[in-house]
Protein backbone atom coordinates (compact mmCIF):
# COMPACT_ATOMS: atom_id res chain seq x y z
CA ALA A 1 -0.04 0.29 0.11
CA TRP A 2 0.89 3.82 -0.02
CA SER A 3 1.61 4.55 3.86
CA ARG A 4 4.86 6.35 3.96
CA GLY A 5 5.29 8.32 6.98
CA PHE A 6 2.33 10.55 7.95
CA SER A 7 1.44 11.31 5.29
CA THR A 8 -2.70 10.69 4.72
CA THR A 9 -2.62 11.29 1.02
CA PRO A 10 -0.73 8.31 -1.48
CA PRO A 11 1.90 9.45 -3.50
CA GLU A 12 1.53 10.06 -7.10
CA GLY A 13 2.36 6.86 -8.47
CA GLU A 14 0.34 4.77 -6.13
CA GLU A 15 -3.20 6.46 -7.32
CA LYS A 16 -2.50 5.08 -10.83
CA LYS A 17 -1.27 1.60 -9.33
CA GLU A 18 -3.99 1.48 -7.09
CA ALA A 19 -6.49 2.03 -10.54
CA ALA A 20 -4.89 -0.44 -12.52
CA ASP A 21 -5.25 -3.37 -9.94
CA ALA A 22 -8.90 -2.53 -9.79
CA ALA A 23 -9.73 -2.79 -13.05
CA ALA A 24 -7.44 -5.91 -13.55
CA GLU A 25 -9.55 -7.13 -10.93
CA ALA A 26 -12.78 -6.19 -12.56
CA GLU A 27 -11.34 -7.50 -16.36
CA ALA A 28 -10.43 -10.99 -13.85
CA GLU A 29 -14.25 -11.06 -12.25
CA PRO A 30 -15.75 -12.25 -15.70
CA GLU A 31 -12.40 -13.98 -16.81
CA ALA A 32 -13.46 -15.88 -13.04
CA ASP A 33 -17.14 -16.06 -14.69
CA ALA A 34 -16.29 -16.89 -17.87
CA ALA A 35 -13.94 -19.66 -16.62
CA ALA A 36 -16.67 -20.90 -14.32
CA GLY A 37 -19.64 -21.22 -17.32
CA GLY A 38 -16.53 -23.22 -19.29
CA GLU A 39 -16.01 -25.59 -17.25
CA ALA A 40 -19.98 -26.05 -15.75
CA ASP A 41 -19.82 -26.56 -20.03
CA GLU A 42 -17.44 -28.78 -19.99
CA ALA A 43 -19.07 -30.78 -16.52
CA ALA A 44 -22.50 -30.75 -18.72
CA GLU A 45 -20.67 -32.20 -22.30
CA LEU A 46 -19.08 -35.16 -19.95
CA ARG A 47 -22.26 -36.22 -18.40
CA ALA A 48 -23.86 -35.95 -22.08
CA GLN A 49 -21.01 -38.14 -22.97
CA ILE A 50 -21.64 -40.52 -19.51
CA THR A 51 -25.17 -41.12 -20.20
CA ALA A 52 -24.61 -41.87 -24.30
CA LEU A 53 -21.87 -44.08 -23.11
CA GLU A 54 -23.98 -45.61 -20.56
CA GLU A 55 -27.01 -45.71 -23.08
CA LYS A 56 -24.49 -47.77 -25.10
CA VAL A 57 -23.33 -50.09 -22.84
CA LYS A 58 -26.97 -50.79 -22.32
CA ASP A 59 -27.52 -52.00 -25.70
CA LEU A 60 -24.44 -53.72 -26.01
CA ASN A 61 -25.45 -56.16 -22.44
CA ASP A 62 -29.48 -56.14 -24.10
CA GLN A 63 -27.69 -57.67 -27.57
CA THR A 64 -25.27 -59.76 -26.01
CA LEU A 65 -28.25 -61.61 -24.17
CA ARG A 66 -30.36 -61.94 -27.29
CA ALA A 67 -27.54 -63.69 -29.04
CA LEU A 68 -27.23 -66.44 -26.55
CA ALA A 69 -30.94 -66.75 -26.52
CA ASP A 70 -31.05 -67.10 -30.04
CA ALA A 71 -27.37 -69.89 -29.74
CA GLU A 72 -29.52 -71.15 -27.07
CA ASN A 73 -33.06 -71.62 -29.37
CA ALA A 74 -30.86 -72.78 -31.93
CA ARG A 75 -29.70 -75.80 -30.15
CA THR A 76 -32.66 -76.42 -28.54
CA ILE A 77 -34.06 -76.72 -31.73
CA ALA A 78 -31.10 -78.52 -33.38
CA LYS A 79 -31.34 -81.36 -30.53
CA ARG A 80 -35.21 -81.98 -30.92
CA ASP A 81 -34.23 -82.30 -34.70
CA VAL A 82 -32.02 -84.89 -33.98
CA GLY A 83 -34.34 -86.50 -31.79
CA ASN A 84 -36.97 -86.55 -34.33
CA ALA A 85 -34.51 -88.26 -37.09
CA LYS A 86 -33.52 -91.03 -35.00
CA GLN A 87 -36.90 -91.57 -33.94
CA PHE A 88 -37.79 -91.54 -37.67
CA ALA A 89 -35.37 -93.84 -38.69
CA VAL A 90 -36.34 -96.28 -36.17
CA THR A 91 -40.07 -95.98 -37.21
CA SER A 92 -39.19 -96.35 -41.17
CA PHE A 93 -36.79 -99.35 -39.81
CA ALA A 94 -39.37 -100.90 -38.33
CA LYS A 95 -41.92 -99.95 -41.51
CA SER A 96 -40.01 -101.83 -43.38
CA LEU A 97 -39.44 -104.41 -41.44
CA LEU A 98 -43.20 -104.89 -40.79
CA ASP A 99 -43.33 -104.38 -44.84
CA VAL A 100 -40.98 -107.95 -45.61
CA ALA A 101 -42.42 -109.73 -42.46
CA ASP A 102 -46.08 -109.05 -44.20
CA ASN A 103 -45.51 -110.26 -47.69
CA LEU A 104 -42.99 -113.11 -46.44
CA THR A 105 -46.74 -114.37 -44.84
CA LEU A 106 -49.04 -113.46 -48.08
CA ALA A 107 -46.11 -115.63 -49.91
CA VAL A 108 -46.29 -118.50 -47.70
CA ALA A 109 -49.74 -118.19 -47.68
CA SER A 110 -50.16 -118.34 -50.90
CA VAL A 111 -48.71 -121.74 -51.62
CA PRO A 112 -50.95 -124.22 -51.51
CA THR A 113 -50.78 -126.71 -48.62
CA GLU A 114 -49.39 -129.52 -50.16
CA GLU A 115 -46.72 -127.52 -51.95
CA LEU A 116 -45.45 -126.76 -48.02
CA GLU A 117 -45.57 -130.62 -46.96
CA LYS A 118 -41.92 -130.91 -49.27
CA PRO A 119 -38.54 -130.55 -47.97
CA GLU A 120 -37.48 -129.23 -50.71
CA ASN A 121 -39.34 -126.42 -51.33
CA ILE A 122 -37.76 -123.52 -50.30
CA THR A 123 -40.84 -122.33 -49.08
CA ALA A 124 -41.41 -124.74 -46.91
CA LYS A 125 -38.51 -123.37 -45.03
CA VAL A 126 -39.25 -119.93 -45.05
CA SER A 127 -42.89 -120.97 -43.64
CA ARG A 128 -40.36 -122.85 -40.81
CA GLY A 129 -37.83 -120.22 -40.58
CA GLU A 130 -34.91 -122.46 -41.54
CA TYR A 131 -33.78 -120.06 -44.67
CA ARG A 132 -32.00 -116.88 -43.95
CA THR A 133 -32.32 -113.89 -46.58
CA PRO A 134 -28.72 -112.97 -47.20
CA LEU A 135 -29.25 -109.11 -46.94
CA ARG A 136 -30.38 -109.83 -43.35
CA VAL A 137 -33.00 -107.25 -42.68
């Protein structure tokens, strides 16, 4: 400050210096307000980025859960299809055996009884179960 000695008036250069300091402080206040406003804008921008990233994480989690559910559904469908294919194979095989058995029964039934009594007749052997087919169905 300007107090030298007992004088109550400031020296000549001190008044100008105080006025310049006051002007600098007045100019600094808007800059501080602007800096505070800039910080508030930056904080708002960061909050918006955080919100956007949280939304993106939520969407990615949702997509991941949906992909896992789709994979599980595909596994379940494939397992069911394999089971159906096995069942169809067994059913188809049994149907083929029934067709063969029905045809053999009809063949034996169509042969007259006196022919079945001849030992060299192949139909007689089939009716007694002595003849086996090469395919072994």
